[in-house]
């Protein structure tokens, strides 16, 4: 989570929406990557880790973008 926040700070500066998106994306993506491979293991076997990695990164990006857009609108008002 700290690495993502640092990356958001380096690219967007001390922007509340960027930091909020990084935090939410890290939590959602990390949870997906931690739990989903174990759930899929009986069905996908060795591919469960790959599916977990891809799903984790997609979840991170989607959550990050959504939170950025939601908080950007509130910060502007």
PDB file of N, CA and C in Angstrom:
ATOM      1  N   UNK A   1       0.829  -1.180   0.000  1.00  0.00           N
ATOM      2  CA  UNK A   1       0.000   0.000   0.000  1.00  0.00           C
ATOM      3  C   UNK A   1       0.877   1.249   0.000  1.00  0.00           C
ATOM      4  N   UNK A   2       1.935   1.255   0.749  1.00  0.00           N
ATOM      5  CA  UNK A   2       2.802   2.421   0.830  1.00  0.00           C
ATOM      6  C   UNK A   2       3.474   2.696  -0.513  1.00  0.00           C
ATOM      7  N   UNK A   3       3.850   1.649  -1.221  1.00  0.00           N
ATOM      8  CA  UNK A   3       4.481   1.830  -2.529  1.00  0.00           C
ATOM      9  C   UNK A   3       3.499   2.491  -3.497  1.00  0.00           C
ATOM     10  N   UNK A   4       2.255   2.053  -3.490  1.00  0.00           N
ATOM     11  CA  UNK A   4       1.255   2.665  -4.368  1.00  0.00           C
ATOM     12  C   UNK A   4       0.990   4.115  -3.998  1.00  0.00           C
ATOM     13  N   UNK A   5       0.955   4.417  -2.715  1.00  0.00           N
ATOM     14  CA  UNK A   5       0.759   5.797  -2.285  1.00  0.00           C
ATOM     15  C   UNK A   5       1.943   6.662  -2.705  1.00  0.00           C
ATOM     16  N   UNK A   6       3.155   6.117  -2.600  1.00  0.00           N
ATOM     17  CA  UNK A   6       4.341   6.854  -3.027  1.00  0.00           C
ATOM     18  C   UNK A   6       4.318   7.115  -4.522  1.00  0.00           C
ATOM     19  N   UNK A   7       3.906   6.124  -5.291  1.00  0.00           N
ATOM     20  CA  UNK A   7       3.793   6.302  -6.729  1.00  0.00           C
ATOM     21  C   UNK A   7       2.751   7.347  -7.084  1.00  0.00           C
ATOM     22  N   UNK A   8       1.629   7.323  -6.383  1.00  0.00           N
ATOM     23  CA  UNK A   8       0.583   8.325  -6.625  1.00  0.00           C
ATOM     24  C   UNK A   8       1.083   9.716  -6.257  1.00  0.00           C
ATOM     25  N   UNK A   9       1.872   9.818  -5.197  1.00  0.00           N
ATOM     26  CA  UNK A   9       2.415  11.112  -4.791  1.00  0.00           C
ATOM     27  C   UNK A   9       3.413  11.636  -5.821  1.00  0.00           C
ATOM     28  N   UNK A  10       4.226  10.740  -6.361  1.00  0.00           N
ATOM     29  CA  UNK A  10       5.233  11.163  -7.342  1.00  0.00           C
ATOM     30  C   UNK A  10       4.588  11.594  -8.659  1.00  0.00           C
ATOM     31  N   UNK A  11       3.506  10.959  -9.060  1.00  0.00           N
ATOM     32  CA  UNK A  11       2.877  11.318 -10.332  1.00  0.00           C
ATOM     33  C   UNK A  11       1.835  12.420 -10.199  1.00  0.00           C
ATOM     34  N   UNK A  12       1.067  12.441  -9.101  1.00  0.00           N
ATOM     35  CA  UNK A  12      -0.032  13.400  -8.955  1.00  0.00           C
ATOM     36  C   UNK A  12       0.195  14.447  -7.878  1.00  0.00           C
ATOM     37  N   UNK A  13       1.264  14.322  -7.124  1.00  0.00           N
ATOM     38  CA  UNK A  13       1.508  15.262  -6.037  1.00  0.00           C
ATOM     39  C   UNK A  13       0.619  14.969  -4.840  1.00  0.00           C
ATOM     40  N   UNK A  14       0.528  15.907  -3.914  1.00  0.00           N
ATOM     41  CA  UNK A  14      -0.276  15.670  -2.702  1.00  0.00           C
ATOM     42  C   UNK A  14      -1.772  15.845  -2.970  1.00  0.00           C
ATOM     43  N   UNK A  15      -2.277  15.087  -3.904  1.00  0.00           N
ATOM     44  CA  UNK A  15      -3.670  15.157  -4.316  1.00  0.00           C
ATOM     45  C   UNK A  15      -4.480  14.140  -3.513  1.00  0.00           C
ATOM     46  N   UNK A  16      -5.513  14.609  -2.852  1.00  0.00           N
ATOM     47  CA  UNK A  16      -6.324  13.735  -2.004  1.00  0.00           C
ATOM     48  C   UNK A  16      -6.975  12.613  -2.799  1.00  0.00           C
ATOM     49  N   UNK A  17      -7.457  12.914  -4.000  1.00  0.00           N
ATOM     50  CA  UNK A  17      -8.126  11.875  -4.777  1.00  0.00           C
ATOM     51  C   UNK A  17      -7.139  10.796  -5.221  1.00  0.00           C
ATOM     52  N   UNK A  18      -5.916  11.178  -5.559  1.00  0.00           N
ATOM     53  CA  UNK A  18      -4.914  10.185  -5.970  1.00  0.00           C
ATOM     54  C   UNK A  18      -4.520   9.291  -4.802  1.00  0.00           C
ATOM     55  N   UNK A  19      -4.317   9.878  -3.635  1.00  0.00           N
ATOM     56  CA  UNK A  19      -3.939   9.093  -2.464  1.00  0.00           C
ATOM     57  C   UNK A  19      -5.081   8.180  -2.022  1.00  0.00           C
ATOM     58  N   UNK A  20      -6.315   8.688  -2.065  1.00  0.00           N
ATOM     59  CA  UNK A  20      -7.475   7.865  -1.699  1.00  0.00           C
ATOM     60  C   UNK A  20      -7.633   6.692  -2.655  1.00  0.00           C
ATOM     61  N   UNK A  21      -7.447   6.950  -3.943  1.00  0.00           N
ATOM     62  CA  UNK A  21      -7.536   5.884  -4.933  1.00  0.00           C
ATOM     63  C   UNK A  21      -6.471   4.825  -4.742  1.00  0.00           C
ATOM     64  N   UNK A  22      -5.253   5.270  -4.416  1.00  0.00           N
ATOM     65  CA  UNK A  22      -4.160   4.317  -4.192  1.00  0.00           C
ATOM     66  C   UNK A  22      -4.437   3.428  -2.989  1.00  0.00           C
ATOM     67  N   UNK A  23      -4.951   4.012  -1.928  1.00  0.00           N
ATOM     68  CA  UNK A  23      -5.250   3.236  -0.722  1.00  0.00           C
ATOM     69  C   UNK A  23      -6.368   2.225  -0.993  1.00  0.00           C
ATOM     70  N   UNK A  24      -7.477   2.707  -1.556  1.00  0.00           N
ATOM     71  CA  UNK A  24      -8.618   1.820  -1.813  1.00  0.00           C
ATOM     72  C   UNK A  24      -8.255   0.734  -2.817  1.00  0.00           C
ATOM     73  N   UNK A  25      -7.531   1.096  -3.859  1.00  0.00           N
ATOM     74  CA  UNK A  25      -7.118   0.116  -4.857  1.00  0.00           C
ATOM     75  C   UNK A  25      -6.194  -0.938  -4.293  1.00  0.00           C
ATOM     76  N   UNK A  26      -5.288  -0.514  -3.423  1.00  0.00           N
ATOM     77  CA  UNK A  26      -4.366  -1.467  -2.804  1.00  0.00           C
ATOM     78  C   UNK A  26      -5.105  -2.463  -1.920  1.00  0.00           C
ATOM     79  N   UNK A  27      -6.045  -1.956  -1.150  1.00  0.00           N
ATOM     80  CA  UNK A  27      -6.802  -2.846  -0.265  1.00  0.00           C
ATOM     81  C   UNK A  27      -7.660  -3.832  -1.062  1.00  0.00           C
ATOM     82  N   UNK A  28      -8.372  -3.326  -2.072  1.00  0.00           N
ATOM     83  CA  UNK A  28      -9.246  -4.201  -2.861  1.00  0.00           C
ATOM     84  C   UNK A  28      -8.437  -5.199  -3.690  1.00  0.00           C
ATOM     85  N   UNK A  29      -7.401  -4.711  -4.362  1.00  0.00           N
ATOM     86  CA  UNK A  29      -6.566  -5.596  -5.175  1.00  0.00           C
ATOM     87  C   UNK A  29      -5.813  -6.614  -4.342  1.00  0.00           C
ATOM     88  N   UNK A  30      -5.326  -6.186  -3.180  1.00  0.00           N
ATOM     89  CA  UNK A  30      -4.618  -7.103  -2.293  1.00  0.00           C
ATOM     90  C   UNK A  30      -5.518  -8.196  -1.753  1.00  0.00           C
ATOM     91  N   UNK A  31      -6.743  -7.823  -1.393  1.00  0.00           N
ATOM     92  CA  UNK A  31      -7.693  -8.823  -0.896  1.00  0.00           C
ATOM     93  C   UNK A  31      -8.035  -9.827  -1.992  1.00  0.00           C
ATOM     94  N   UNK A  32      -8.229  -9.336  -3.207  1.00  0.00           N
ATOM     95  CA  UNK A  32      -8.525 -10.238  -4.329  1.00  0.00           C
ATOM     96  C   UNK A  32      -7.368 -11.207  -4.536  1.00  0.00           C
ATOM     97  N   UNK A  33      -6.157 -10.679  -4.597  1.00  0.00           N
ATOM     98  CA  UNK A  33      -4.981 -11.517  -4.835  1.00  0.00           C
ATOM     99  C   UNK A  33      -4.684 -12.502  -3.719  1.00  0.00           C
ATOM    100  N   UNK A  34      -5.137 -12.186  -2.518  1.00  0.00           N
ATOM    101  CA  UNK A  34      -4.874 -13.080  -1.389  1.00  0.00           C
ATOM    102  C   UNK A  34      -5.885 -14.223  -1.302  1.00  0.00           C
ATOM    103  N   UNK A  35      -7.142 -13.929  -1.520  1.00  0.00           N
ATOM    104  CA  UNK A  35      -8.190 -14.922  -1.258  1.00  0.00           C
ATOM    105  C   UNK A  35      -8.689 -15.677  -2.489  1.00  0.00           C
ATOM    106  N   UNK A  36      -8.769 -15.036  -3.622  1.00  0.00           N
ATOM    107  CA  UNK A  36      -9.350 -15.671  -4.803  1.00  0.00           C
ATOM    108  C   UNK A  36      -8.545 -16.886  -5.292  1.00  0.00           C
ATOM    109  N   UNK A  37      -7.202 -16.835  -5.323  1.00  0.00           N
ATOM    110  CA  UNK A  37      -6.478 -18.039  -5.774  1.00  0.00           C
ATOM    111  C   UNK A  37      -6.797 -19.283  -4.946  1.00  0.00           C
ATOM    112  N   UNK A  38      -6.967 -19.123  -3.641  1.00  0.00           N
ATOM    113  CA  UNK A  38      -7.306 -20.274  -2.797  1.00  0.00           C
ATOM    114  C   UNK A  38      -8.706 -20.811  -3.107  1.00  0.00           C
ATOM    115  N   UNK A  39      -9.616 -19.907  -3.434  1.00  0.00           N
ATOM    116  CA  UNK A  39     -10.974 -20.330  -3.774  1.00  0.00           C
ATOM    117  C   UNK A  39     -10.984 -21.056  -5.117  1.00  0.00           C
ATOM    118  N   UNK A  40     -10.179 -20.579  -6.075  1.00  0.00           N
ATOM    119  CA  UNK A  40     -10.164 -21.155  -7.419  1.00  0.00           C
ATOM    120  C   UNK A  40      -9.285 -22.389  -7.556  1.00  0.00           C
ATOM    121  N   UNK A  41      -8.416 -22.652  -6.598  1.00  0.00           N
ATOM    122  CA  UNK A  41      -7.450 -23.754  -6.693  1.00  0.00           C
ATOM    123  C   UNK A  41      -8.093 -25.094  -7.073  1.00  0.00           C
ATOM    124  N   UNK A  42      -9.213 -25.494  -6.483  1.00  0.00           N
ATOM    125  CA  UNK A  42      -9.790 -26.791  -6.863  1.00  0.00           C
ATOM    126  C   UNK A  42     -10.288 -26.848  -8.315  1.00  0.00           C
ATOM    127  N   UNK A  43     -10.587 -25.688  -8.892  1.00  0.00           N
ATOM    128  CA  UNK A  43     -11.159 -25.657 -10.231  1.00  0.00           C
ATOM    129  C   UNK A  43     -10.133 -25.375 -11.321  1.00  0.00           C
ATOM    130  N   UNK A  44      -9.152 -24.542 -11.019  1.00  0.00           N
ATOM    131  CA  UNK A  44      -8.201 -24.134 -12.045  1.00  0.00           C
ATOM    132  C   UNK A  44      -6.790 -24.669 -11.822  1.00  0.00           C
ATOM    133  N   UNK A  45      -6.555 -25.270 -10.687  1.00  0.00           N
ATOM    134  CA  UNK A  45      -5.248 -25.859 -10.401  1.00  0.00           C
ATOM    135  C   UNK A  45      -4.134 -24.828 -10.390  1.00  0.00           C
ATOM    136  N   UNK A  46      -3.088 -25.078 -11.166  1.00  0.00           N
ATOM    137  CA  UNK A  46      -1.910 -24.221 -11.158  1.00  0.00           C
ATOM    138  C   UNK A  46      -2.187 -22.823 -11.707  1.00  0.00           C
ATOM    139  N   UNK A  47      -3.257 -22.658 -12.456  1.00  0.00           N
ATOM    140  CA  UNK A  47      -3.572 -21.350 -13.022  1.00  0.00           C
ATOM    141  C   UNK A  47      -4.231 -20.408 -12.019  1.00  0.00           C
ATOM    142  N   UNK A  48      -4.551 -20.888 -10.835  1.00  0.00           N
ATOM    143  CA  UNK A  48      -5.230 -20.030  -9.860  1.00  0.00           C
ATOM    144  C   UNK A  48      -4.355 -18.853  -9.454  1.00  0.00           C
ATOM    145  N   UNK A  49      -3.054 -19.053  -9.371  1.00  0.00           N
ATOM    146  CA  UNK A  49      -2.156 -17.948  -9.032  1.00  0.00           C
ATOM    147  C   UNK A  49      -2.116 -16.890 -10.111  1.00  0.00           C
ATOM    148  N   UNK A  50      -2.065 -17.324 -11.356  1.00  0.00           N
ATOM    149  CA  UNK A  50      -2.067 -16.390 -12.483  1.00  0.00           C
ATOM    150  C   UNK A  50      -3.375 -15.605 -12.532  1.00  0.00           C
ATOM    151  N   UNK A  51      -4.475 -16.303 -12.346  1.00  0.00           N
ATOM    152  CA  UNK A  51      -5.782 -15.639 -12.342  1.00  0.00           C
ATOM    153  C   UNK A  51      -5.856 -14.651 -11.179  1.00  0.00           C
ATOM    154  N   UNK A  52      -5.315 -15.028 -10.037  1.00  0.00           N
ATOM    155  CA  UNK A  52      -5.292 -14.126  -8.883  1.00  0.00           C
ATOM    156  C   UNK A  52      -4.461 -12.883  -9.142  1.00  0.00           C
ATOM    157  N   UNK A  53      -3.304 -13.048  -9.798  1.00  0.00           N
ATOM    158  CA  UNK A  53      -2.450 -11.895 -10.103  1.00  0.00           C
ATOM    159  C   UNK A  53      -3.119 -10.941 -11.090  1.00  0.00           C
ATOM    160  N   UNK A  54      -3.682 -11.499 -12.140  1.00  0.00           N
ATOM    161  CA  UNK A  54      -4.347 -10.662 -13.137  1.00  0.00           C
ATOM    162  C   UNK A  54      -5.576  -9.984 -12.528  1.00  0.00           C
ATOM    163  N   UNK A  55      -6.373 -10.743 -11.817  1.00  0.00           N
ATOM    164  CA  UNK A  55      -7.565 -10.179 -11.181  1.00  0.00           C
ATOM    165  C   UNK A  55      -7.229  -9.131 -10.143  1.00  0.00           C
ATOM    166  N   UNK A  56      -6.139  -9.349  -9.421  1.00  0.00           N
ATOM    167  CA  UNK A  56      -5.709  -8.382  -8.416  1.00  0.00           C
ATOM    168  C   UNK A  56      -5.331  -7.054  -9.059  1.00  0.00           C
ATOM    169  N   UNK A  57      -4.593  -7.104 -10.155  1.00  0.00           N
ATOM    170  CA  UNK A  57      -4.184  -5.855 -10.799  1.00  0.00           C
ATOM    171  C   UNK A  57      -5.370  -5.145 -11.447  1.00  0.00           C
ATOM    172  N   UNK A  58      -6.287  -5.898 -12.041  1.00  0.00           N
ATOM    173  CA  UNK A  58      -7.479  -5.292 -12.635  1.00  0.00           C
ATOM    174  C   UNK A  58      -8.354  -4.671 -11.544  1.00  0.00           C
ATOM    175  N   UNK A  59      -8.516  -5.375 -10.437  1.00  0.00           N
ATOM    176  CA  UNK A  59      -9.301  -4.849  -9.321  1.00  0.00           C
ATOM    177  C   UNK A  59      -8.675  -3.574  -8.778  1.00  0.00           C
ATOM    178  N   UNK A  60      -7.351  -3.570  -8.647  1.00  0.00           N
ATOM    179  CA  UNK A  60      -6.662  -2.368  -8.174  1.00  0.00           C
ATOM    180  C   UNK A  60      -6.936  -1.185  -9.098  1.00  0.00           C
ATOM    181  N   UNK A  61      -6.745  -1.377 -10.393  1.00  0.00           N
ATOM    182  CA  UNK A  61      -6.897  -0.277 -11.346  1.00  0.00           C
ATOM    183  C   UNK A  61      -8.323   0.245 -11.381  1.00  0.00           C
ATOM    184  N   UNK A  62      -9.295  -0.658 -11.388  1.00  0.00           N
ATOM    185  CA  UNK A  62     -10.691  -0.223 -11.442  1.00  0.00           C
ATOM    186  C   UNK A  62     -11.089   0.518 -10.169  1.00  0.00           C
ATOM    187  N   UNK A  63     -10.685   0.002  -9.019  1.00  0.00           N
ATOM    188  CA  UNK A  63     -10.998   0.661  -7.755  1.00  0.00           C
ATOM    189  C   UNK A  63     -10.296   2.004  -7.663  1.00  0.00           C
ATOM    190  N   UNK A  64      -9.032   2.039  -8.045  1.00  0.00           N
ATOM    191  CA  UNK A  64      -8.260   3.271  -8.015  1.00  0.00           C
ATOM    192  C   UNK A  64      -8.931   4.345  -8.870  1.00  0.00           C
ATOM    193  N   UNK A  65      -9.285   4.024 -10.093  1.00  0.00           N
ATOM    194  CA  UNK A  65      -9.911   4.998 -10.988  1.00  0.00           C
ATOM    195  C   UNK A  65     -11.265   5.466 -10.462  1.00  0.00           C
ATOM    196  N   UNK A  66     -12.059   4.535  -9.953  1.00  0.00           N
ATOM    197  CA  UNK A  66     -13.387   4.883  -9.444  1.00  0.00           C
ATOM    198  C   UNK A  66     -13.288   5.826  -8.255  1.00  0.00           C
ATOM    199  N   UNK A  67     -12.422   5.510  -7.306  1.00  0.00           N
ATOM    200  CA  UNK A  67     -12.273   6.357  -6.118  1.00  0.00           C
ATOM    201  C   UNK A  67     -11.703   7.718  -6.501  1.00  0.00           C
ATOM    202  N   UNK A  68     -10.756   7.749  -7.429  1.00  0.00           N
ATOM    203  CA  UNK A  68     -10.208   9.038  -7.881  1.00  0.00           C
ATOM    204  C   UNK A  68     -11.310   9.922  -8.447  1.00  0.00           C
ATOM    205  N   UNK A  69     -12.149   9.355  -9.298  1.00  0.00           N
ATOM    206  CA  UNK A  69     -13.223  10.139  -9.912  1.00  0.00           C
ATOM    207  C   UNK A  69     -14.240  10.610  -8.868  1.00  0.00           C
ATOM    208  N   UNK A  70     -14.586   9.736  -7.937  1.00  0.00           N
ATOM    209  CA  UNK A  70     -15.558  10.124  -6.907  1.00  0.00           C
ATOM    210  C   UNK A  70     -15.020  11.212  -5.996  1.00  0.00           C
ATOM    211  N   UNK A  71     -13.770  11.093  -5.590  1.00  0.00           N
ATOM    212  CA  UNK A  71     -13.202  12.098  -4.672  1.00  0.00           C
ATOM    213  C   UNK A  71     -12.822  13.364  -5.414  1.00  0.00           C
ATOM    214  N   UNK A  72     -12.462  13.277  -6.692  1.00  0.00           N
ATOM    215  CA  UNK A  72     -12.128  14.477  -7.445  1.00  0.00           C
ATOM    216  C   UNK A  72     -13.342  15.409  -7.534  1.00  0.00           C
ATOM    217  N   UNK A  73     -14.516  14.822  -7.750  1.00  0.00           N
ATOM    218  CA  UNK A  73     -15.734  15.627  -7.825  1.00  0.00           C
ATOM    219  C   UNK A  73     -16.019  16.314  -6.494  1.00  0.00           C
ATOM    220  N   UNK A  74     -15.790  15.627  -5.389  1.00  0.00           N
ATOM    221  CA  UNK A  74     -16.068  16.207  -4.073  1.00  0.00           C
ATOM    222  C   UNK A  74     -15.033  17.263  -3.694  1.00  0.00           C
ATOM    223  N   UNK A  75     -13.777  17.081  -4.096  1.00  0.00           N
ATOM    224  CA  UNK A  75     -12.731  18.040  -3.754  1.00  0.00           C
ATOM    225  C   UNK A  75     -12.944  19.344  -4.516  1.00  0.00           C
ATOM    226  N   UNK A  76     -13.439  19.282  -5.746  1.00  0.00           N
ATOM    227  CA  UNK A  76     -13.660  20.476  -6.551  1.00  0.00           C
ATOM    228  C   UNK A  76     -14.771  21.358  -6.006  1.00  0.00           C
ATOM    229  N   UNK A  77     -15.759  20.762  -5.343  1.00  0.00           N
ATOM    230  CA  UNK A  77     -16.923  21.516  -4.850  1.00  0.00           C
ATOM    231  C   UNK A  77     -16.603  22.337  -3.653  1.00  0.00           C
TER     232      UNK A  77
END
